[in-house]
Amino acid sequence: MEIFNKIKFNSPVVLSFVLISFLALLFDIFTGGNSNKLLFCVYRSSFFDPLTYIRLFTHVLGHSDWSHYINNMLLMLIVGPLLEEKYGSLNIIIMILITAFISGIVSIIFFPNVALLGASGVVFAFILVSSITSFEYGKIPLTFILVAFVYIGGQVVDAVFVRDNISNSTHIIGGIIGSIYGYYMNKSKI
């Protein structure tokens, strides 16, 4: 099979994330939604339950349905490999873990009656990091300002005026983490 020799596993963290999220979705379908409740969504629960701490990180792998999964993974596959190539796999892992943890904690504290799942916070972090990749010391890229305004501003407006099942706080948190992380990653390269 000559064709398989030409395929390169170019973005191990992003591709692994997409695959694990796919397996989590399949597992959730086969368990009738029980695996998401057990492992792949974060919600306020007993701090004596060890799964509470695991879910703080694994909720970004769970998705409610195919549409939710496809929308998040499409953006992740577009933006993620470029970031992983530029900043390295370890930085991408750290950004995913920080985004998952902070969005999970915020959800537990401020939204006690909501179960949060999905990679949209991570996707928003990736989008904001990608907009700040051409950072020069002492200057803020116009693309970053526009992306931050459109994405984060849009989420603030939605949070105030639109009532839907999308966790705007997770998007905002992901965008803020991506902005800060992108700034420091680029600053350290200068």
N, C-alpha and C. Protein backbone atom coordinates (compact mmCIF):
# COMPACT_ATOMS: atom_id res chain seq x y z
N MET A 1 0.83 -1.18 0.00
CA MET A 1 0.00 0.00 0.00
C MET A 1 0.88 1.25 0.00
N GLU A 2 1.23 1.68 -1.16
CA GLU A 2 2.08 2.86 -1.35
C GLU A 2 1.46 4.13 -0.78
N ILE A 3 0.16 4.25 -0.88
CA ILE A 3 -0.51 5.47 -0.44
C ILE A 3 -0.36 5.71 1.07
N PHE A 4 -0.32 4.64 1.85
CA PHE A 4 -0.19 4.80 3.30
C PHE A 4 1.20 5.27 3.69
N ASN A 5 2.20 5.04 2.84
CA ASN A 5 3.55 5.54 3.09
C ASN A 5 3.64 7.05 2.89
N LYS A 6 2.69 7.61 2.16
CA LYS A 6 2.69 9.04 1.87
C LYS A 6 1.94 9.85 2.91
N ILE A 7 1.18 9.20 3.78
CA ILE A 7 0.38 9.90 4.80
C ILE A 7 1.25 10.13 6.03
N LYS A 8 1.25 11.35 6.51
CA LYS A 8 2.07 11.72 7.66
C LYS A 8 1.17 12.06 8.85
N PHE A 9 1.47 11.52 9.99
CA PHE A 9 0.76 11.83 11.25
C PHE A 9 1.34 13.15 11.74
N ASN A 10 0.88 14.26 11.12
CA ASN A 10 1.54 15.55 11.26
C ASN A 10 1.27 16.30 12.54
N SER A 11 0.23 15.97 13.25
CA SER A 11 -0.15 16.73 14.44
C SER A 11 -0.63 15.75 15.51
N PRO A 12 0.29 15.10 16.21
CA PRO A 12 -0.09 14.01 17.10
C PRO A 12 -1.08 14.40 18.20
N VAL A 13 -0.94 15.56 18.80
CA VAL A 13 -1.85 15.95 19.88
C VAL A 13 -3.25 16.23 19.34
N VAL A 14 -3.33 17.03 18.30
CA VAL A 14 -4.64 17.38 17.74
C VAL A 14 -5.33 16.15 17.17
N LEU A 15 -4.61 15.33 16.41
CA LEU A 15 -5.20 14.13 15.83
C LEU A 15 -5.63 13.14 16.91
N SER A 16 -4.84 13.01 17.96
CA SER A 16 -5.21 12.13 19.07
C SER A 16 -6.45 12.65 19.78
N PHE A 17 -6.51 13.96 19.97
CA PHE A 17 -7.67 14.58 20.61
C PHE A 17 -8.94 14.31 19.80
N VAL A 18 -8.84 14.47 18.50
CA VAL A 18 -9.99 14.24 17.61
C VAL A 18 -10.42 12.77 17.67
N LEU A 19 -9.45 11.86 17.65
CA LEU A 19 -9.75 10.43 17.70
C LEU A 19 -10.37 10.03 19.05
N ILE A 20 -9.79 10.50 20.14
CA ILE A 20 -10.31 10.16 21.46
C ILE A 20 -11.73 10.75 21.63
N SER A 21 -11.94 11.96 21.14
CA SER A 21 -13.28 12.55 21.20
C SER A 21 -14.28 11.74 20.38
N PHE A 22 -13.84 11.24 19.24
CA PHE A 22 -14.70 10.38 18.40
C PHE A 22 -15.06 9.10 19.14
N LEU A 23 -14.07 8.48 19.78
CA LEU A 23 -14.32 7.26 20.54
C LEU A 23 -15.25 7.54 21.72
N ALA A 24 -15.07 8.69 22.37
CA ALA A 24 -15.95 9.07 23.49
C ALA A 24 -17.39 9.24 22.99
N LEU A 25 -17.56 9.83 21.81
CA LEU A 25 -18.90 10.00 21.25
C LEU A 25 -19.53 8.64 20.93
N LEU A 26 -18.77 7.76 20.31
CA LEU A 26 -19.28 6.41 20.02
C LEU A 26 -19.65 5.68 21.30
N PHE A 27 -18.78 5.78 22.29
CA PHE A 27 -19.04 5.13 23.58
C PHE A 27 -20.31 5.69 24.21
N ASP A 28 -20.50 7.00 24.09
CA ASP A 28 -21.71 7.62 24.65
C ASP A 28 -22.96 7.15 23.92
N ILE A 29 -22.87 7.01 22.61
CA ILE A 29 -24.01 6.52 21.83
C ILE A 29 -24.36 5.09 22.25
N PHE A 30 -23.32 4.26 22.38
CA PHE A 30 -23.56 2.85 22.72
C PHE A 30 -24.04 2.66 24.16
N THR A 31 -23.74 3.62 25.04
CA THR A 31 -24.19 3.49 26.44
C THR A 31 -25.44 4.31 26.71
N GLY A 32 -26.05 4.84 25.68
CA GLY A 32 -27.28 5.60 25.86
C GLY A 32 -27.10 6.89 26.66
N GLY A 33 -25.96 7.51 26.53
CA GLY A 33 -25.69 8.77 27.22
C GLY A 33 -25.03 8.62 28.59
N ASN A 34 -24.85 7.40 29.03
CA ASN A 34 -24.29 7.19 30.38
C ASN A 34 -22.81 7.51 30.48
N SER A 35 -22.04 7.28 29.42
CA SER A 35 -20.61 7.57 29.52
C SER A 35 -20.33 9.06 29.61
N ASN A 36 -21.13 9.87 28.92
CA ASN A 36 -20.95 11.32 29.08
C ASN A 36 -21.21 11.73 30.52
N LYS A 37 -22.28 11.22 31.11
CA LYS A 37 -22.60 11.55 32.50
C LYS A 37 -21.50 11.10 33.45
N LEU A 38 -20.93 9.95 33.18
CA LEU A 38 -19.92 9.39 34.07
C LEU A 38 -18.55 10.03 33.89
N LEU A 39 -18.14 10.25 32.61
CA LEU A 39 -16.76 10.64 32.34
C LEU A 39 -16.56 11.92 31.53
N PHE A 40 -17.50 12.26 30.65
CA PHE A 40 -17.20 13.27 29.65
C PHE A 40 -18.04 14.54 29.76
N CYS A 41 -18.50 14.87 30.94
CA CYS A 41 -19.07 16.19 31.19
C CYS A 41 -18.79 16.54 32.64
N VAL A 42 -18.67 17.82 32.88
CA VAL A 42 -18.36 18.29 34.24
C VAL A 42 -19.60 18.96 34.81
N TYR A 43 -19.84 18.69 36.06
CA TYR A 43 -20.99 19.23 36.79
C TYR A 43 -20.66 19.18 38.27
N ARG A 44 -21.42 19.92 39.05
CA ARG A 44 -21.16 19.94 40.48
C ARG A 44 -21.51 18.58 41.07
N SER A 45 -20.53 17.97 41.71
CA SER A 45 -20.73 16.67 42.36
C SER A 45 -19.84 16.63 43.61
N SER A 46 -19.92 15.55 44.33
CA SER A 46 -19.16 15.41 45.57
C SER A 46 -17.66 15.47 45.31
N PHE A 47 -16.96 16.21 46.15
CA PHE A 47 -15.51 16.26 46.03
C PHE A 47 -14.85 14.99 46.56
N PHE A 48 -15.65 14.09 47.14
CA PHE A 48 -15.14 12.78 47.56
C PHE A 48 -15.19 11.77 46.42
N ASP A 49 -15.85 12.13 45.33
CA ASP A 49 -15.92 11.27 44.14
C ASP A 49 -14.68 11.52 43.29
N PRO A 50 -13.81 10.52 43.13
CA PRO A 50 -12.58 10.72 42.34
C PRO A 50 -12.86 11.12 40.89
N LEU A 51 -14.02 10.71 40.35
CA LEU A 51 -14.34 11.06 38.97
C LEU A 51 -14.59 12.56 38.80
N THR A 52 -14.93 13.25 39.88
CA THR A 52 -15.10 14.71 39.81
C THR A 52 -13.83 15.35 39.27
N TYR A 53 -12.68 14.90 39.75
CA TYR A 53 -11.40 15.49 39.34
C TYR A 53 -11.01 15.08 37.92
N ILE A 54 -11.36 13.87 37.54
CA ILE A 54 -11.09 13.41 36.18
C ILE A 54 -11.94 14.20 35.19
N ARG A 55 -13.22 14.39 35.53
CA ARG A 55 -14.13 15.11 34.63
C ARG A 55 -13.72 16.56 34.41
N LEU A 56 -12.96 17.15 35.35
CA LEU A 56 -12.47 18.52 35.14
C LEU A 56 -11.63 18.62 33.88
N PHE A 57 -11.04 17.52 33.46
CA PHE A 57 -10.20 17.50 32.26
C PHE A 57 -10.86 16.79 31.09
N THR A 58 -11.64 15.75 31.35
CA THR A 58 -12.18 14.94 30.26
C THR A 58 -13.45 15.50 29.63
N HIS A 59 -14.05 16.51 30.25
CA HIS A 59 -15.29 17.06 29.68
C HIS A 59 -15.08 17.65 28.30
N VAL A 60 -13.86 18.04 27.96
CA VAL A 60 -13.60 18.60 26.63
C VAL A 60 -13.61 17.52 25.55
N LEU A 61 -13.58 16.26 25.96
CA LEU A 61 -13.61 15.15 24.99
C LEU A 61 -15.03 14.72 24.65
N GLY A 62 -15.99 15.04 25.49
CA GLY A 62 -17.37 14.62 25.29
C GLY A 62 -18.14 15.59 24.41
N HIS A 63 -19.08 15.05 23.64
CA HIS A 63 -19.94 15.87 22.78
C HIS A 63 -21.34 15.30 22.82
N SER A 64 -22.32 16.17 22.69
CA SER A 64 -23.71 15.76 22.85
C SER A 64 -24.25 14.97 21.66
N ASP A 65 -23.71 15.23 20.46
CA ASP A 65 -24.17 14.52 19.27
C ASP A 65 -23.16 14.74 18.14
N TRP A 66 -23.47 14.15 16.97
CA TRP A 66 -22.55 14.24 15.83
C TRP A 66 -22.32 15.68 15.40
N SER A 67 -23.37 16.47 15.36
CA SER A 67 -23.25 17.86 14.92
C SER A 67 -22.31 18.64 15.84
N HIS A 68 -22.48 18.48 17.13
CA HIS A 68 -21.63 19.14 18.13
C HIS A 68 -20.17 18.71 17.91
N TYR A 69 -19.96 17.42 17.75
CA TYR A 69 -18.62 16.88 17.54
C TYR A 69 -18.00 17.43 16.25
N ILE A 70 -18.74 17.35 15.16
CA ILE A 70 -18.21 17.76 13.85
C ILE A 70 -17.86 19.25 13.84
N ASN A 71 -18.72 20.08 14.40
CA ASN A 71 -18.44 21.53 14.42
C ASN A 71 -17.17 21.84 15.19
N ASN A 72 -16.99 21.22 16.35
CA ASN A 72 -15.77 21.47 17.13
C ASN A 72 -14.53 20.90 16.46
N MET A 73 -14.64 19.67 15.97
CA MET A 73 -13.46 19.01 15.41
C MET A 73 -13.02 19.61 14.08
N LEU A 74 -13.96 20.09 13.29
CA LEU A 74 -13.60 20.74 12.03
C LEU A 74 -12.71 21.95 12.29
N LEU A 75 -13.13 22.80 13.21
CA LEU A 75 -12.31 23.96 13.55
C LEU A 75 -10.98 23.55 14.17
N MET A 76 -11.01 22.53 15.03
CA MET A 76 -9.78 22.07 15.66
C MET A 76 -8.81 21.53 14.61
N LEU A 77 -9.31 20.81 13.62
CA LEU A 77 -8.45 20.25 12.58
C LEU A 77 -7.91 21.31 11.63
N ILE A 78 -8.62 22.41 11.50
CA ILE A 78 -8.14 23.50 10.64
C ILE A 78 -7.05 24.31 11.34
N VAL A 79 -7.29 24.67 12.58
CA VAL A 79 -6.39 25.57 13.30
C VAL A 79 -5.30 24.82 14.08
N GLY A 80 -5.66 23.70 14.69
CA GLY A 80 -4.75 22.99 15.60
C GLY A 80 -3.42 22.56 15.02
N PRO A 81 -3.38 21.90 13.86
CA PRO A 81 -2.09 21.46 13.33
C PRO A 81 -1.10 22.60 13.08
N LEU A 82 -1.60 23.73 12.64
CA LEU A 82 -0.71 24.88 12.42
C LEU A 82 -0.10 25.35 13.74
N LEU A 83 -0.92 25.37 14.78
CA LEU A 83 -0.42 25.78 16.10
C LEU A 83 0.55 24.75 16.66
N GLU A 84 0.21 23.48 16.50
CA GLU A 84 1.10 22.43 17.03
C GLU A 84 2.45 22.45 16.32
N GLU A 85 2.43 22.72 15.02
CA GLU A 85 3.70 22.81 14.29
C GLU A 85 4.52 24.01 14.76
N LYS A 86 3.85 25.13 14.99
CA LYS A 86 4.57 26.35 15.39
C LYS A 86 5.05 26.31 16.84
N TYR A 87 4.19 25.85 17.76
CA TYR A 87 4.50 25.95 19.19
C TYR A 87 4.91 24.63 19.83
N GLY A 88 4.70 23.53 19.15
CA GLY A 88 5.09 22.23 19.69
C GLY A 88 3.94 21.53 20.40
N SER A 89 4.04 20.22 20.44
CA SER A 89 2.98 19.39 21.02
C SER A 89 2.79 19.65 22.51
N LEU A 90 3.87 19.83 23.24
CA LEU A 90 3.75 20.04 24.68
C LEU A 90 2.96 21.30 25.00
N ASN A 91 3.21 22.38 24.30
CA ASN A 91 2.46 23.62 24.53
C ASN A 91 0.98 23.45 24.22
N ILE A 92 0.66 22.67 23.20
CA ILE A 92 -0.75 22.43 22.85
C ILE A 92 -1.42 21.60 23.95
N ILE A 93 -0.73 20.57 24.44
CA ILE A 93 -1.28 19.78 25.55
C ILE A 93 -1.53 20.65 26.77
N ILE A 94 -0.57 21.49 27.11
CA ILE A 94 -0.72 22.37 28.28
C ILE A 94 -1.90 23.31 28.08
N MET A 95 -2.05 23.89 26.90
CA MET A 95 -3.16 24.80 26.64
C MET A 95 -4.50 24.08 26.75
N ILE A 96 -4.59 22.87 26.22
CA ILE A 96 -5.82 22.08 26.33
C ILE A 96 -6.15 21.81 27.79
N LEU A 97 -5.16 21.38 28.56
CA LEU A 97 -5.39 21.05 29.97
C LEU A 97 -5.78 22.27 30.80
N ILE A 98 -5.12 23.40 30.56
CA ILE A 98 -5.46 24.63 31.30
C ILE A 98 -6.88 25.07 30.95
N THR A 99 -7.21 25.04 29.68
CA THR A 99 -8.56 25.44 29.25
C THR A 99 -9.61 24.53 29.85
N ALA A 100 -9.37 23.22 29.81
CA ALA A 100 -10.33 22.26 30.37
C ALA A 100 -10.50 22.50 31.86
N PHE A 101 -9.41 22.63 32.57
CA PHE A 101 -9.46 22.79 34.03
C PHE A 101 -10.19 24.07 34.44
N ILE A 102 -9.79 25.19 33.87
CA ILE A 102 -10.39 26.47 34.27
C ILE A 102 -11.86 26.53 33.87
N SER A 103 -12.20 26.09 32.66
CA SER A 103 -13.61 26.11 32.27
C SER A 103 -14.43 25.15 33.13
N GLY A 104 -13.85 24.02 33.52
CA GLY A 104 -14.53 23.07 34.40
C GLY A 104 -14.78 23.66 35.78
N ILE A 105 -13.78 24.30 36.35
CA ILE A 105 -13.91 24.92 37.67
C ILE A 105 -14.95 26.04 37.62
N VAL A 106 -14.88 26.89 36.62
CA VAL A 106 -15.85 27.99 36.50
C VAL A 106 -17.26 27.44 36.37
N SER A 107 -17.42 26.39 35.59
CA SER A 107 -18.75 25.79 35.42
C SER A 107 -19.28 25.25 36.75
N ILE A 108 -18.44 24.55 37.50
CA ILE A 108 -18.86 23.99 38.78
C ILE A 108 -19.24 25.09 39.77
N ILE A 109 -18.46 26.14 39.82
CA ILE A 109 -18.69 27.21 40.80
C ILE A 109 -19.89 28.08 40.42
N PHE A 110 -19.94 28.53 39.18
CA PHE A 110 -20.94 29.53 38.79
C PHE A 110 -22.19 28.96 38.12
N PHE A 111 -22.12 27.73 37.66
CA PHE A 111 -23.27 27.13 36.98
C PHE A 111 -23.53 25.74 37.57
N PRO A 112 -23.94 25.68 38.83
CA PRO A 112 -24.05 24.40 39.53
C PRO A 112 -25.10 23.46 38.97
N ASN A 113 -26.07 23.96 38.23
CA ASN A 113 -27.13 23.12 37.70
C ASN A 113 -26.96 22.78 36.22
N VAL A 114 -25.73 23.00 35.70
CA VAL A 114 -25.46 22.78 34.28
C VAL A 114 -24.35 21.73 34.15
N ALA A 115 -24.54 20.81 33.21
CA ALA A 115 -23.48 19.86 32.86
C ALA A 115 -22.80 20.38 31.59
N LEU A 116 -21.50 20.56 31.67
CA LEU A 116 -20.73 21.13 30.58
C LEU A 116 -19.93 20.05 29.87
N LEU A 117 -19.99 20.04 28.53
CA LEU A 117 -19.16 19.14 27.76
C LEU A 117 -18.87 19.75 26.41
N GLY A 118 -17.79 19.28 25.80
CA GLY A 118 -17.43 19.74 24.46
C GLY A 118 -16.11 20.48 24.43
N ALA A 119 -15.56 20.56 23.23
CA ALA A 119 -14.23 21.14 23.02
C ALA A 119 -14.27 22.60 22.57
N SER A 120 -15.43 23.25 22.66
CA SER A 120 -15.51 24.61 22.12
C SER A 120 -14.61 25.59 22.85
N GLY A 121 -14.39 25.42 24.13
CA GLY A 121 -13.45 26.29 24.84
C GLY A 121 -12.04 26.14 24.31
N VAL A 122 -11.64 24.91 24.03
CA VAL A 122 -10.32 24.64 23.45
C VAL A 122 -10.24 25.23 22.05
N VAL A 123 -11.30 25.07 21.28
CA VAL A 123 -11.33 25.62 19.92
C VAL A 123 -11.19 27.15 19.97
N PHE A 124 -11.91 27.80 20.87
CA PHE A 124 -11.79 29.25 21.00
C PHE A 124 -10.38 29.65 21.41
N ALA A 125 -9.76 28.88 22.30
CA ALA A 125 -8.37 29.17 22.67
C ALA A 125 -7.47 29.07 21.44
N PHE A 126 -7.65 28.03 20.63
CA PHE A 126 -6.85 27.86 19.41
C PHE A 126 -7.06 29.03 18.45
N ILE A 127 -8.30 29.46 18.29
CA ILE A 127 -8.59 30.55 17.35
C ILE A 127 -7.88 31.83 17.79
N LEU A 128 -7.94 32.13 19.09
CA LEU A 128 -7.29 33.35 19.57
C LEU A 128 -5.77 33.25 19.50
N VAL A 129 -5.22 32.07 19.79
CA VAL A 129 -3.76 31.90 19.66
C VAL A 129 -3.34 32.08 18.21
N SER A 130 -4.12 31.53 17.29
CA SER A 130 -3.75 31.64 15.87
C SER A 130 -3.77 33.08 15.38
N SER A 131 -4.61 33.90 15.98
CA SER A 131 -4.70 35.29 15.53
C SER A 131 -3.55 36.15 16.06
N ILE A 132 -2.79 35.63 17.00
CA ILE A 132 -1.69 36.40 17.58
C ILE A 132 -0.33 35.81 17.21
N THR A 133 -0.29 34.94 16.21
CA THR A 133 0.97 34.27 15.84
C THR A 133 2.00 35.21 15.21
N SER A 134 1.58 36.33 14.67
CA SER A 134 2.54 37.25 14.06
C SER A 134 2.88 38.40 15.01
N PHE A 135 3.03 38.07 16.25
CA PHE A 135 3.29 39.03 17.32
C PHE A 135 4.70 39.62 17.21
N GLU A 136 4.78 40.94 17.29
CA GLU A 136 6.06 41.64 17.40
C GLU A 136 6.08 42.34 18.74
N TYR A 137 7.24 42.37 19.39
CA TYR A 137 7.34 42.96 20.71
C TYR A 137 6.83 44.40 20.69
N GLY A 138 5.92 44.70 21.61
CA GLY A 138 5.38 46.04 21.75
C GLY A 138 4.24 46.37 20.80
N LYS A 139 3.83 45.43 19.95
CA LYS A 139 2.77 45.68 18.99
C LYS A 139 1.72 44.57 19.09
N ILE A 140 0.46 44.95 18.91
CA ILE A 140 -0.64 44.00 18.93
C ILE A 140 -1.16 43.86 17.51
N PRO A 141 -1.20 42.62 16.99
CA PRO A 141 -1.69 42.44 15.62
C PRO A 141 -3.17 42.84 15.50
N LEU A 142 -3.50 43.55 14.42
CA LEU A 142 -4.88 43.95 14.16
C LEU A 142 -5.78 42.73 14.04
N THR A 143 -5.26 41.64 13.46
CA THR A 143 -6.08 40.42 13.34
C THR A 143 -6.50 39.91 14.71
N PHE A 144 -5.61 40.01 15.69
CA PHE A 144 -5.95 39.57 17.04
C PHE A 144 -7.08 40.43 17.62
N ILE A 145 -6.99 41.74 17.45
CA ILE A 145 -8.02 42.64 17.96
C ILE A 145 -9.37 42.33 17.32
N LEU A 146 -9.38 42.12 16.01
CA LEU A 146 -10.62 41.83 15.31
C LEU A 146 -11.21 40.48 15.72
N VAL A 147 -10.36 39.46 15.81
CA VAL A 147 -10.84 38.14 16.21
C VAL A 147 -11.35 38.18 17.64
N ALA A 148 -10.62 38.82 18.53
CA ALA A 148 -11.06 38.93 19.93
C ALA A 148 -12.38 39.67 20.01
N PHE A 149 -12.49 40.75 19.26
CA PHE A 149 -13.74 41.53 19.27
C PHE A 149 -14.90 40.71 18.74
N VAL A 150 -14.71 40.05 17.61
CA VAL A 150 -15.79 39.29 16.99
C VAL A 150 -16.16 38.07 17.84
N TYR A 151 -15.18 37.26 18.23
CA TYR A 151 -15.48 36.03 18.95
C TYR A 151 -15.89 36.28 20.40
N ILE A 152 -15.05 36.97 21.14
CA ILE A 152 -15.37 37.18 22.56
C ILE A 152 -16.53 38.15 22.69
N GLY A 153 -16.53 39.22 21.92
CA GLY A 153 -17.64 40.16 21.96
C GLY A 153 -18.96 39.50 21.59
N GLY A 154 -18.92 38.65 20.58
CA GLY A 154 -20.13 37.92 20.19
C GLY A 154 -20.63 37.00 21.29
N GLN A 155 -19.72 36.39 22.01
CA GLN A 155 -20.13 35.50 23.10
C GLN A 155 -20.71 36.29 24.27
N VAL A 156 -20.17 37.46 24.54
CA VAL A 156 -20.73 38.31 25.60
C VAL A 156 -22.15 38.73 25.22
N VAL A 157 -22.34 39.15 23.98
CA VAL A 157 -23.68 39.53 23.51
C VAL A 157 -24.64 38.35 23.61
N ASP A 158 -24.20 37.18 23.15
CA ASP A 158 -25.04 35.99 23.23
C ASP A 158 -25.38 35.63 24.67
N ALA A 159 -24.41 35.76 25.55
CA ALA A 159 -24.65 35.44 26.96
C ALA A 159 -25.72 36.34 27.57
N VAL A 160 -25.76 37.60 27.13
CA VAL A 160 -26.71 38.56 27.69
C VAL A 160 -28.08 38.44 27.01
N PHE A 161 -28.09 38.30 25.69
CA PHE A 161 -29.35 38.42 24.95
C PHE A 161 -29.94 37.11 24.41
N VAL A 162 -29.11 36.06 24.27
CA VAL A 162 -29.60 34.82 23.67
C VAL A 162 -29.59 33.73 24.73
N ARG A 163 -30.67 33.02 24.84
CA ARG A 163 -30.76 31.91 25.78
C ARG A 163 -30.77 30.60 25.00
N ASP A 164 -29.63 29.93 24.96
CA ASP A 164 -29.55 28.65 24.28
C ASP A 164 -28.69 27.70 25.10
N ASN A 165 -28.38 26.55 24.58
CA ASN A 165 -27.62 25.56 25.31
C ASN A 165 -26.11 25.69 25.13
N ILE A 166 -25.67 26.72 24.46
CA ILE A 166 -24.25 26.89 24.24
C ILE A 166 -23.64 27.61 25.44
N SER A 167 -22.56 27.08 25.92
CA SER A 167 -21.93 27.66 27.10
C SER A 167 -21.02 28.83 26.68
N ASN A 168 -21.58 30.00 26.71
CA ASN A 168 -20.82 31.19 26.32
C ASN A 168 -19.63 31.44 27.24
N SER A 169 -19.80 31.11 28.52
CA SER A 169 -18.69 31.32 29.45
C SER A 169 -17.48 30.48 29.06
N THR A 170 -17.71 29.26 28.58
CA THR A 170 -16.60 28.40 28.15
C THR A 170 -15.90 29.00 26.94
N HIS A 171 -16.66 29.55 26.01
CA HIS A 171 -16.06 30.19 24.85
C HIS A 171 -15.22 31.40 25.27
N ILE A 172 -15.77 32.20 26.17
CA ILE A 172 -15.04 33.39 26.64
C ILE A 172 -13.77 32.98 27.38
N ILE A 173 -13.88 31.98 28.26
CA ILE A 173 -12.70 31.50 28.99
C ILE A 173 -11.65 30.97 28.03
N GLY A 174 -12.08 30.17 27.05
CA GLY A 174 -11.14 29.65 26.06
C GLY A 174 -10.45 30.77 25.30
N GLY A 175 -11.21 31.78 24.92
CA GLY A 175 -10.63 32.92 24.21
C GLY A 175 -9.62 33.68 25.05
N ILE A 176 -9.95 33.88 26.32
CA ILE A 176 -9.02 34.59 27.22
C ILE A 176 -7.75 33.77 27.42
N ILE A 177 -7.90 32.47 27.67
CA ILE A 177 -6.72 31.61 27.86
C ILE A 177 -5.88 31.59 26.59
N GLY A 178 -6.52 31.46 25.44
CA GLY A 178 -5.78 31.48 24.18
C GLY A 178 -5.03 32.78 23.97
N SER A 179 -5.66 33.89 24.33
CA SER A 179 -5.01 35.20 24.18
C SER A 179 -3.78 35.31 25.07
N ILE A 180 -3.94 34.94 26.32
CA ILE A 180 -2.82 35.03 27.26
C ILE A 180 -1.72 34.05 26.89
N TYR A 181 -2.11 32.82 26.60
CA TYR A 181 -1.13 31.79 26.26
C TYR A 181 -0.39 32.15 24.98
N GLY A 182 -1.13 32.61 23.97
CA GLY A 182 -0.51 33.01 22.72
C GLY A 182 0.47 34.16 22.89
N TYR A 183 0.08 35.12 23.71
CA TYR A 183 0.95 36.27 23.98
C TYR A 183 2.27 35.81 24.59
N TYR A 184 2.19 34.96 25.61
CA TYR A 184 3.41 34.52 26.28
C TYR A 184 4.24 33.56 25.44
N MET A 185 3.60 32.72 24.65
CA MET A 185 4.37 31.82 23.77
C MET A 185 5.12 32.63 22.72
N ASN A 186 4.46 33.65 22.17
CA ASN A 186 5.13 34.47 21.16
C ASN A 186 6.17 35.38 21.78
N LYS A 187 5.91 35.90 22.96
CA LYS A 187 6.86 36.77 23.63
C LYS A 187 8.14 36.00 23.96
N SER A 188 8.02 34.73 24.34
CA SER A 188 9.21 33.95 24.68
C SER A 188 10.04 33.61 23.44
N LYS A 189 9.44 33.66 22.25
CA LYS A 189 10.17 33.36 21.02
C LYS A 189 10.93 34.57 20.49
N ILE A 190 10.56 35.77 20.99
CA ILE A 190 11.21 36.99 20.48
C ILE A 190 12.54 37.19 21.16
